[in-house]
Protein backbone atom coordinates (compact mmCIF):
# COMPACT_ATOMS: atom_id res chain seq x y z
CA UNK A 1 23.75 44.70 -56.70
CA UNK A 2 26.39 46.35 -58.85
CA UNK A 3 24.68 49.73 -58.33
CA UNK A 4 25.00 49.40 -54.54
CA UNK A 5 27.84 50.06 -52.14
CA UNK A 6 27.92 48.56 -48.65
CA UNK A 7 27.48 51.10 -45.85
CA UNK A 8 30.50 50.92 -43.57
CA UNK A 9 29.76 49.48 -40.14
CA UNK A 10 26.20 48.43 -41.04
CA UNK A 11 25.89 44.79 -42.12
CA UNK A 12 22.54 45.04 -43.95
CA UNK A 13 22.61 48.56 -45.38
CA UNK A 14 23.56 49.38 -48.95
CA UNK A 15 23.71 52.76 -50.68
CA UNK A 16 22.49 53.12 -54.25
CA UNK A 17 25.26 54.84 -56.22
CA UNK A 18 22.90 56.43 -58.74
CA UNK A 19 20.41 58.11 -56.39
CA UNK A 20 22.05 57.99 -52.94
CA UNK A 21 19.20 56.12 -51.26
CA UNK A 22 20.10 53.64 -48.54
CA UNK A 23 18.35 50.26 -48.58
CA UNK A 24 18.12 47.58 -45.93
CA UNK A 25 18.58 44.05 -47.26
CA UNK A 26 17.82 42.23 -44.00
CA UNK A 27 15.71 39.23 -45.01
CA UNK A 28 15.09 38.06 -41.44
CA UNK A 29 14.04 41.55 -40.40
CA UNK A 30 11.59 41.68 -43.29
CA UNK A 31 10.08 38.34 -42.25
CA UNK A 32 9.70 39.59 -38.66
CA UNK A 33 8.09 42.82 -39.85
CA UNK A 34 5.62 40.90 -42.03
CA UNK A 35 4.77 38.60 -39.11
CA UNK A 36 4.15 41.63 -36.86
CA UNK A 37 1.93 43.21 -39.50
CA UNK A 38 -0.05 39.99 -39.96
CA UNK A 39 -0.52 39.65 -36.18
CA UNK A 40 -1.67 43.29 -35.93
CA UNK A 41 -4.18 42.82 -38.77
CA UNK A 42 -5.54 39.64 -37.17
CA UNK A 43 -5.83 41.42 -33.82
CA UNK A 44 -7.68 44.34 -35.42
CA UNK A 45 -10.05 41.94 -37.18
CA UNK A 46 -10.75 40.13 -33.91
CA UNK A 47 -11.46 43.43 -32.15
CA UNK A 48 -13.82 44.51 -34.94
CA UNK A 49 -15.65 41.18 -34.74
CA UNK A 50 -16.03 41.53 -30.96
CA UNK A 51 -17.30 45.10 -31.34
CA UNK A 52 -19.89 43.92 -33.86
CA UNK A 53 -21.01 41.12 -31.54
CA UNK A 54 -21.30 43.56 -28.61
CA UNK A 55 -23.38 45.92 -30.72
CA UNK A 56 -25.62 43.04 -31.74
CA UNK A 57 -26.06 41.99 -28.10
CA UNK A 58 -26.85 45.57 -27.09
CA UNK A 59 -29.44 45.73 -29.81
CA UNK A 60 -31.02 42.47 -28.66
CA UNK A 61 -31.12 43.63 -25.04
CA UNK A 62 -32.69 46.94 -26.06
CA UNK A 63 -35.37 45.18 -28.10
CA UNK A 64 -36.11 42.85 -25.17
CA UNK A 65 -36.41 45.71 -22.69
CA UNK A 66 -38.60 47.75 -25.04
CA UNK A 67 -41.03 44.88 -25.56
CA UNK A 68 -41.77 44.63 -21.82
């Protein structure tokens, strides 16, 4: 942390003295962001599974109606 300087008025922001980049060292914010990402991925996977099941059902219905 010796290469960083605290940004005035911002509790979690630090500026890198060598390259000028500002970094956010908010551990709780990072945990929340990871939880949101995990929830979004799980939701997307659930949607994809449901879409696959719907397509399978459509296929079964089509094959049943064609055989009559």
